[in-house]
C-alpha atoms as a PDB file:
ATOM      1  CA  MET A   1     -15.648   5.282 -17.574  1.00  0.00           C
ATOM      2  CA  ASN A   2     -12.842   2.801 -16.988  1.00  0.00           C
ATOM      3  CA  ASP A   3     -13.892  -0.835 -17.256  1.00  0.00           C
ATOM      4  CA  SER A   4     -10.459  -2.328 -16.559  1.00  0.00           C
ATOM      5  CA  PRO A   5     -10.736  -5.261 -14.185  1.00  0.00           C
ATOM      6  CA  ILE A   6      -8.994  -4.819 -10.842  1.00  0.00           C
ATOM      7  CA  ARG A   7      -6.881  -7.917 -10.150  1.00  0.00           C
ATOM      8  CA  ASP A   8      -6.174  -6.947  -6.550  1.00  0.00           C
ATOM      9  CA  PHE A   9      -4.991  -3.974  -4.520  1.00  0.00           C
ATOM     10  CA  HIS A  10      -1.604  -3.094  -3.077  1.00  0.00           C
ATOM     11  CA  ALA A  11      -1.391  -1.222   0.210  1.00  0.00           C
ATOM     12  CA  HIS A  12       2.124   0.064   0.896  1.00  0.00           C
ATOM     13  CA  ILE A  13       2.848   0.952   4.513  1.00  0.00           C
ATOM     14  CA  TYR A  14       5.536   3.657   4.567  1.00  0.00           C
ATOM     15  CA  TYR A  15       7.929   4.075   7.470  1.00  0.00           C
ATOM     16  CA  ASP A  16      11.254   5.471   8.545  1.00  0.00           C
ATOM     17  CA  PRO A  17      13.837   3.106  10.118  1.00  0.00           C
ATOM     18  CA  GLU A  18      12.723   3.989  13.636  1.00  0.00           C
ATOM     19  CA  ASP A  19       9.123   3.021  12.769  1.00  0.00           C
ATOM     20  CA  VAL A  20       9.770  -0.397  11.188  1.00  0.00           C
ATOM     21  CA  GLU A  21       8.577  -2.323  14.266  1.00  0.00           C
ATOM     22  CA  ARG A  22       5.305  -0.376  14.307  1.00  0.00           C
ATOM     23  CA  ALA A  23       4.874  -1.162  10.595  1.00  0.00           C
ATOM     24  CA  LYS A  24       5.558  -4.859  11.249  1.00  0.00           C
ATOM     25  CA  GLN A  25       2.926  -4.897  13.999  1.00  0.00           C
ATOM     26  CA  LEU A  26       0.369  -3.245  11.716  1.00  0.00           C
ATOM     27  CA  ALA A  27       1.112  -5.658   8.850  1.00  0.00           C
ATOM     28  CA  ALA A  28       0.803  -8.640  11.209  1.00  0.00           C
ATOM     29  CA  ALA A  29      -2.509  -7.333  12.551  1.00  0.00           C
ATOM     30  CA  VAL A  30      -3.877  -6.964   9.021  1.00  0.00           C
ATOM     31  CA  GLN A  31      -2.657 -10.435   8.031  1.00  0.00           C
ATOM     32  CA  ALA A  32      -4.208 -11.990  11.161  1.00  0.00           C
ATOM     33  CA  ARG A  33      -7.630 -10.585  10.225  1.00  0.00           C
ATOM     34  CA  PHE A  34      -7.697 -10.690   6.432  1.00  0.00           C
ATOM     35  CA  PRO A  35      -6.403 -12.884   3.566  1.00  0.00           C
ATOM     36  CA  VAL A  36      -3.487 -10.631   2.600  1.00  0.00           C
ATOM     37  CA  ALA A  37       0.062 -11.431   1.556  1.00  0.00           C
ATOM     38  CA  VAL A  38       2.785  -9.407   3.266  1.00  0.00           C
ATOM     39  CA  GLY A  39       5.908  -8.615   1.263  1.00  0.00           C
ATOM     40  CA  HIS A  40       9.440  -7.683   2.296  1.00  0.00           C
ATOM     41  CA  PHE A  41      10.166  -4.842   4.710  1.00  0.00           C
ATOM     42  CA  HIS A  42      12.411  -2.473   2.782  1.00  0.00           C
ATOM     43  CA  LEU A  43      14.399   0.071   4.777  1.00  0.00           C
ATOM     44  CA  ARG A  44      15.161   2.188   1.698  1.00  0.00           C
ATOM     45  CA  PRO A  45      13.099   3.434  -1.234  1.00  0.00           C
ATOM     46  CA  VAL A  46      12.180   0.668  -3.699  1.00  0.00           C
ATOM     47  CA  GLY A  47      10.461   1.186  -7.037  1.00  0.00           C
ATOM     48  CA  PRO A  48       8.392   4.366  -7.030  1.00  0.00           C
ATOM     49  CA  HIS A  49       8.148   4.524  -3.240  1.00  0.00           C
ATOM     50  CA  PRO A  50       9.900   7.464  -1.535  1.00  0.00           C
ATOM     51  CA  ARG A  51      11.023   5.659   1.635  1.00  0.00           C
ATOM     52  CA  GLY A  52      10.973   2.338   3.426  1.00  0.00           C
ATOM     53  CA  SER A  53       7.827   0.322   2.831  1.00  0.00           C
ATOM     54  CA  VAL A  54       6.138  -3.035   2.903  1.00  0.00           C
ATOM     55  CA  GLN A  55       3.509  -4.155   0.400  1.00  0.00           C
ATOM     56  CA  LEU A  56       0.270  -5.816   1.418  1.00  0.00           C
ATOM     57  CA  THR A  57      -1.451  -7.583  -1.476  1.00  0.00           C
ATOM     58  CA  VAL A  58      -5.192  -7.428  -0.843  1.00  0.00           C
ATOM     59  CA  PRO A  59      -7.768  -9.477  -2.775  1.00  0.00           C
ATOM     60  CA  THR A  60     -10.344  -7.195  -4.369  1.00  0.00           C
ATOM     61  CA  PRO A  61     -13.320  -8.549  -2.359  1.00  0.00           C
ATOM     62  CA  SER A  62     -11.468  -7.819   0.909  1.00  0.00           C
ATOM     63  CA  PHE A  63     -10.243  -4.327   0.081  1.00  0.00           C
ATOM     64  CA  GLY A  64     -13.169  -2.435   1.644  1.00  0.00           C
ATOM     65  CA  ASP A  65     -12.737  -4.186   4.971  1.00  0.00           C
ATOM     66  CA  VAL A  66      -8.941  -3.857   4.905  1.00  0.00           C
ATOM     67  CA  ALA A  67      -9.210  -0.155   4.035  1.00  0.00           C
ATOM     68  CA  GLN A  68     -11.523   0.436   6.993  1.00  0.00           C
ATOM     69  CA  PHE A  69      -9.113  -1.371   9.315  1.00  0.00           C
ATOM     70  CA  LEU A  70      -6.118   0.600   8.006  1.00  0.00           C
ATOM     71  CA  ALA A  71      -7.964   3.912   8.328  1.00  0.00           C
ATOM     72  CA  LEU A  72      -8.594   3.280  12.012  1.00  0.00           C
ATOM     73  CA  ASN A  73      -5.374   1.477  12.971  1.00  0.00           C
ATOM     74  CA  ARG A  74      -2.516   3.035  10.984  1.00  0.00           C
ATOM     75  CA  GLU A  75      -0.990   4.567  14.147  1.00  0.00           C
ATOM     76  CA  GLY A  76       0.217   7.656  12.295  1.00  0.00           C
ATOM     77  CA  LEU A  77       1.905   5.685   9.510  1.00  0.00           C
ATOM     78  CA  THR A  78       1.298   6.758   5.919  1.00  0.00           C
ATOM     79  CA  ILE A  79      -0.276   4.146   3.658  1.00  0.00           C
ATOM     80  CA  PHE A  80      -0.432   4.342  -0.126  1.00  0.00           C
ATOM     81  CA  ALA A  81      -3.016   2.012  -1.667  1.00  0.00           C
ATOM     82  CA  HIS A  82      -3.705   1.453  -5.336  1.00  0.00           C
ATOM     83  CA  ALA A  83      -5.593  -0.822  -7.698  1.00  0.00           C
ATOM     84  CA  GLU A  84      -3.709  -3.357  -9.823  1.00  0.00           C
ATOM     85  CA  THR A  85      -5.156  -3.186 -13.334  1.00  0.00           C
ATOM     86  CA  GLY A  86      -1.969  -3.808 -15.319  1.00  0.00           C
ATOM     87  CA  ASN A  87      -1.490  -0.139 -16.176  1.00  0.00           C
ATOM     88  CA  ASP A  88       1.325   0.714 -13.746  1.00  0.00           C
ATOM     89  CA  LEU A  89       1.357   4.458 -14.369  1.00  0.00           C
ATOM     90  CA  ALA A  90      -2.403   4.849 -13.974  1.00  0.00           C
ATOM     91  CA  ASP A  91      -2.419   2.491 -10.989  1.00  0.00           C
ATOM     92  CA  HIS A  92       0.143   4.704  -9.209  1.00  0.00           C
ATOM     93  CA  THR A  93      -1.361   8.078 -10.206  1.00  0.00           C
ATOM     94  CA  GLN A  94      -5.099   7.741 -10.849  1.00  0.00           C
ATOM     95  CA  HIS A  95      -6.299   4.607  -9.039  1.00  0.00           C
ATOM     96  CA  VAL A  96      -4.922   5.583  -5.630  1.00  0.00           C
ATOM     97  CA  ILE A  97      -5.984   6.166  -2.047  1.00  0.00           C
ATOM     98  CA  TRP A  98      -3.783   7.756   0.613  1.00  0.00           C
ATOM     99  CA  PHE A  99      -4.199   7.132   4.325  1.00  0.00           C
ATOM    100  CA  GLY A 100      -2.385  10.034   5.971  1.00  0.00           C
ATOM    101  CA  GLU A 101      -0.323  12.588   4.100  1.00  0.00           C
ATOM    102  CA  SER A 102       0.381  11.880   0.448  1.00  0.00           C
ATOM    103  CA  GLU A 103       4.002  11.654  -0.660  1.00  0.00           C
ATOM    104  CA  GLU A 104       5.688  12.161  -4.017  1.00  0.00           C
ATOM    105  CA  LEU A 105       6.377   8.955  -5.917  1.00  0.00           C
ATOM    106  CA  ASP A 106       9.225   8.428  -8.391  1.00  0.00           C
ATOM    107  CA  LEU A 107       7.140   7.826 -11.498  1.00  0.00           C
ATOM    108  CA  SER A 108      10.171   7.826 -13.813  1.00  0.00           C
ATOM    109  CA  ILE A 109      10.418   4.032 -13.497  1.00  0.00           C
ATOM    110  CA  PHE A 110       7.223   3.721 -15.529  1.00  0.00           C
ATOM    111  CA  GLY A 111       8.843   5.237 -18.633  1.00  0.00           C
END
């Protein structure tokens, strides 16, 4: 059993350039309903992410509600969500949830 505390969750909305407006609308809808922070909208891969994405930082107590909203309202966009425990590799490989098709991450940045 893993007893690492979860600080918060990250939900990364993935999109291609032609879908960035749809991703912005989804992020705004989540932020209007829940106490989440919305990051920058990247049009290219950043970090381990395989394509454009935006990060939603979700407080742990809100994650269940946010996950339910994303599951029903993702409009075909892929969303990669993971716990933030401080172990980056495990957080991006073991403590994950995919909404839509999973995609291959570039894990080489974690050493």
